[in-house]
N, C-alpha and C. Protein backbone atom coordinates (compact mmCIF):
# COMPACT_ATOMS: atom_id res chain seq x y z
N MET A 1 -33.37 18.22 -32.17
CA MET A 1 -33.67 16.88 -31.71
C MET A 1 -32.56 16.35 -30.81
N ALA A 2 -31.31 16.69 -31.12
CA ALA A 2 -30.18 16.21 -30.32
C ALA A 2 -30.27 16.75 -28.90
N GLY A 3 -30.70 18.01 -28.75
CA GLY A 3 -30.84 18.60 -27.42
C GLY A 3 -31.88 17.86 -26.59
N PHE A 4 -32.96 17.49 -27.22
CA PHE A 4 -34.02 16.74 -26.54
C PHE A 4 -33.50 15.39 -26.07
N LEU A 5 -32.79 14.69 -26.93
CA LEU A 5 -32.25 13.37 -26.58
C LEU A 5 -31.21 13.48 -25.46
N ASP A 6 -30.41 14.54 -25.51
CA ASP A 6 -29.41 14.74 -24.45
C ASP A 6 -30.10 14.97 -23.11
N ARG A 7 -31.14 15.77 -23.10
CA ARG A 7 -31.89 16.02 -21.86
C ARG A 7 -32.56 14.75 -21.36
N ALA A 8 -33.14 13.99 -22.29
CA ALA A 8 -33.80 12.74 -21.91
C ALA A 8 -32.79 11.76 -21.33
N ARG A 9 -31.63 11.66 -21.96
CA ARG A 9 -30.58 10.76 -21.48
C ARG A 9 -30.10 11.20 -20.09
N GLU A 10 -29.99 12.49 -19.89
CA GLU A 10 -29.57 13.03 -18.59
C GLU A 10 -30.60 12.70 -17.50
N GLN A 11 -31.89 12.83 -17.84
CA GLN A 11 -32.94 12.52 -16.87
C GLN A 11 -32.96 11.03 -16.53
N VAL A 12 -32.76 10.20 -17.54
CA VAL A 12 -32.72 8.76 -17.30
C VAL A 12 -31.54 8.42 -16.39
N GLN A 13 -30.39 9.00 -16.66
CA GLN A 13 -29.20 8.74 -15.84
C GLN A 13 -29.42 9.20 -14.40
N GLN A 14 -30.06 10.34 -14.24
CA GLN A 14 -30.35 10.85 -12.90
C GLN A 14 -31.30 9.89 -12.17
N GLY A 15 -32.30 9.40 -12.86
CA GLY A 15 -33.23 8.44 -12.26
C GLY A 15 -32.53 7.15 -11.87
N LEU A 16 -31.63 6.68 -12.72
CA LEU A 16 -30.87 5.47 -12.39
C LEU A 16 -30.00 5.68 -11.15
N ASN A 17 -29.36 6.84 -11.08
CA ASN A 17 -28.51 7.14 -9.93
C ASN A 17 -29.33 7.20 -8.64
N GLN A 18 -30.51 7.80 -8.70
CA GLN A 18 -31.38 7.88 -7.53
C GLN A 18 -31.84 6.48 -7.11
N GLY A 19 -32.16 5.65 -8.08
CA GLY A 19 -32.58 4.28 -7.79
C GLY A 19 -31.47 3.47 -7.16
N LYS A 20 -30.25 3.64 -7.66
CA LYS A 20 -29.10 2.93 -7.09
C LYS A 20 -28.84 3.39 -5.66
N GLN A 21 -28.97 4.68 -5.40
CA GLN A 21 -28.76 5.21 -4.06
C GLN A 21 -29.80 4.64 -3.09
N LYS A 22 -31.04 4.58 -3.54
CA LYS A 22 -32.11 4.03 -2.71
C LYS A 22 -31.85 2.55 -2.41
N LEU A 23 -31.43 1.80 -3.41
CA LEU A 23 -31.11 0.39 -3.23
C LEU A 23 -29.96 0.22 -2.24
N ASP A 24 -28.93 1.04 -2.37
CA ASP A 24 -27.80 0.99 -1.43
C ASP A 24 -28.25 1.30 -0.01
N ASP A 25 -29.14 2.27 0.14
CA ASP A 25 -29.66 2.63 1.46
C ASP A 25 -30.44 1.47 2.08
N VAL A 26 -31.27 0.82 1.28
CA VAL A 26 -32.07 -0.30 1.77
C VAL A 26 -31.16 -1.46 2.17
N GLN A 27 -30.15 -1.74 1.36
CA GLN A 27 -29.23 -2.83 1.68
C GLN A 27 -28.44 -2.53 2.96
N ALA A 28 -28.03 -1.29 3.15
CA ALA A 28 -27.31 -0.91 4.37
C ALA A 28 -28.23 -1.02 5.58
N GLN A 29 -29.49 -0.65 5.42
CA GLN A 29 -30.45 -0.76 6.52
C GLN A 29 -30.67 -2.23 6.90
N ARG A 30 -30.81 -3.08 5.91
CA ARG A 30 -30.99 -4.51 6.19
C ARG A 30 -29.76 -5.09 6.87
N ALA A 31 -28.59 -4.71 6.41
CA ALA A 31 -27.36 -5.21 7.04
C ALA A 31 -27.28 -4.74 8.49
N GLY A 32 -27.63 -3.49 8.75
CA GLY A 32 -27.64 -2.97 10.11
C GLY A 32 -28.63 -3.71 10.99
N ASN A 33 -29.81 -3.99 10.46
CA ASN A 33 -30.80 -4.74 11.22
C ASN A 33 -30.30 -6.15 11.53
N ASP A 34 -29.64 -6.78 10.57
CA ASP A 34 -29.08 -8.11 10.81
C ASP A 34 -28.01 -8.08 11.89
N LEU A 35 -27.15 -7.06 11.85
CA LEU A 35 -26.10 -6.94 12.87
C LEU A 35 -26.70 -6.69 14.25
N LEU A 36 -27.75 -5.90 14.30
CA LEU A 36 -28.42 -5.64 15.57
C LEU A 36 -29.05 -6.93 16.11
N LYS A 37 -29.63 -7.71 15.24
CA LYS A 37 -30.21 -8.99 15.64
C LYS A 37 -29.12 -9.94 16.15
N GLN A 38 -27.97 -9.96 15.48
CA GLN A 38 -26.87 -10.81 15.92
C GLN A 38 -26.35 -10.39 17.29
N LEU A 39 -26.31 -9.09 17.54
CA LEU A 39 -25.89 -8.59 18.85
C LEU A 39 -26.88 -9.05 19.92
N GLY A 40 -28.15 -8.92 19.63
CA GLY A 40 -29.16 -9.36 20.59
C GLY A 40 -29.06 -10.85 20.88
N ALA A 41 -28.84 -11.64 19.85
CA ALA A 41 -28.72 -13.09 20.03
C ALA A 41 -27.47 -13.43 20.83
N ALA A 42 -26.36 -12.73 20.57
CA ALA A 42 -25.12 -12.98 21.31
C ALA A 42 -25.28 -12.60 22.78
N TYR A 43 -25.93 -11.48 23.03
CA TYR A 43 -26.16 -11.04 24.41
C TYR A 43 -27.07 -12.02 25.14
N TYR A 44 -28.13 -12.43 24.48
CA TYR A 44 -29.06 -13.38 25.09
C TYR A 44 -28.34 -14.69 25.42
N ALA A 45 -27.55 -15.19 24.47
CA ALA A 45 -26.81 -16.43 24.71
C ALA A 45 -25.84 -16.27 25.88
N GLU A 46 -25.19 -15.12 25.95
CA GLU A 46 -24.26 -14.87 27.05
C GLU A 46 -25.01 -14.88 28.38
N ARG A 47 -26.14 -14.22 28.44
CA ARG A 47 -26.91 -14.14 29.68
C ARG A 47 -27.47 -15.51 30.09
N ARG A 48 -27.76 -16.35 29.11
CA ARG A 48 -28.29 -17.68 29.39
C ARG A 48 -27.18 -18.68 29.72
N GLY A 49 -25.94 -18.29 29.54
CA GLY A 49 -24.82 -19.17 29.88
C GLY A 49 -24.28 -19.98 28.73
N SER A 50 -24.86 -19.84 27.55
CA SER A 50 -24.37 -20.60 26.40
C SER A 50 -23.51 -19.77 25.46
N GLY A 51 -23.36 -18.49 25.76
CA GLY A 51 -22.55 -17.61 24.93
C GLY A 51 -21.37 -17.08 25.70
N THR A 52 -20.56 -16.30 25.03
CA THR A 52 -19.37 -15.75 25.66
C THR A 52 -19.37 -14.23 25.55
N PRO A 53 -18.70 -13.58 26.49
CA PRO A 53 -18.55 -12.12 26.37
C PRO A 53 -17.81 -11.72 25.09
N ASP A 54 -16.89 -12.58 24.65
CA ASP A 54 -16.14 -12.29 23.43
C ASP A 54 -17.06 -12.24 22.21
N ALA A 55 -18.01 -13.18 22.13
CA ALA A 55 -18.95 -13.19 21.01
C ALA A 55 -19.82 -11.95 21.03
N THR A 56 -20.23 -11.54 22.22
CA THR A 56 -21.04 -10.32 22.35
C THR A 56 -20.24 -9.10 21.92
N GLN A 57 -18.98 -9.05 22.33
CA GLN A 57 -18.12 -7.92 21.97
C GLN A 57 -17.87 -7.89 20.46
N GLN A 58 -17.68 -9.05 19.85
CA GLN A 58 -17.48 -9.10 18.39
C GLN A 58 -18.72 -8.58 17.66
N ALA A 59 -19.89 -8.98 18.13
CA ALA A 59 -21.13 -8.52 17.50
C ALA A 59 -21.29 -7.01 17.68
N LEU A 60 -20.95 -6.51 18.86
CA LEU A 60 -21.03 -5.08 19.11
C LEU A 60 -20.05 -4.31 18.23
N SER A 61 -18.85 -4.83 18.09
CA SER A 61 -17.84 -4.17 17.24
C SER A 61 -18.28 -4.12 15.78
N ALA A 62 -18.87 -5.21 15.31
CA ALA A 62 -19.36 -5.24 13.92
C ALA A 62 -20.47 -4.21 13.73
N LEU A 63 -21.36 -4.11 14.70
CA LEU A 63 -22.45 -3.13 14.62
C LEU A 63 -21.90 -1.70 14.66
N GLU A 64 -20.94 -1.44 15.53
CA GLU A 64 -20.35 -0.09 15.61
C GLU A 64 -19.63 0.27 14.32
N ALA A 65 -18.96 -0.70 13.69
CA ALA A 65 -18.29 -0.43 12.42
C ALA A 65 -19.31 -0.09 11.34
N HIS A 66 -20.41 -0.79 11.34
CA HIS A 66 -21.47 -0.51 10.36
C HIS A 66 -22.04 0.90 10.58
N ILE A 67 -22.27 1.25 11.83
CA ILE A 67 -22.80 2.58 12.14
C ILE A 67 -21.81 3.66 11.74
N ALA A 68 -20.52 3.42 11.94
CA ALA A 68 -19.51 4.40 11.55
C ALA A 68 -19.51 4.62 10.04
N THR A 69 -19.79 3.58 9.30
CA THR A 69 -19.78 3.66 7.84
C THR A 69 -21.09 4.19 7.27
N HIS A 70 -22.22 3.70 7.80
CA HIS A 70 -23.52 3.97 7.20
C HIS A 70 -24.45 4.83 8.04
N GLY A 71 -24.05 5.15 9.25
CA GLY A 71 -24.92 5.92 10.12
C GLY A 71 -25.86 5.02 10.90
N ASP A 72 -26.64 5.62 11.79
CA ASP A 72 -27.51 4.84 12.66
C ASP A 72 -28.99 5.01 12.32
N GLY A 73 -29.28 5.40 11.10
CA GLY A 73 -30.67 5.61 10.69
C GLY A 73 -31.53 4.37 10.81
N PHE A 74 -30.95 3.19 10.66
CA PHE A 74 -31.72 1.95 10.74
C PHE A 74 -32.24 1.71 12.16
N LEU A 75 -31.66 2.35 13.16
CA LEU A 75 -32.09 2.19 14.55
C LEU A 75 -33.42 2.88 14.80
N ARG A 76 -33.81 3.81 13.95
CA ARG A 76 -35.03 4.59 14.13
C ARG A 76 -36.21 4.00 13.36
N SER A 77 -35.99 2.92 12.65
CA SER A 77 -37.06 2.34 11.82
C SER A 77 -38.03 1.54 12.62
């Protein structure tokens, strides 16, 4: 019986780990999408005359940092 419980506990732990990884992936994708949206808004504001090149560069830098950490998979969604 102990062997069965150990296997069941192992399977539950594996399922929890997979669920956490999926949640982390979704959160990283949402953050990337938000950063991409912020870059677009900064660029648009700059082109319309109400934004600055510095704001656009900051948004681009934040997006590049996110891509360096999490990859660019959110760009293909």
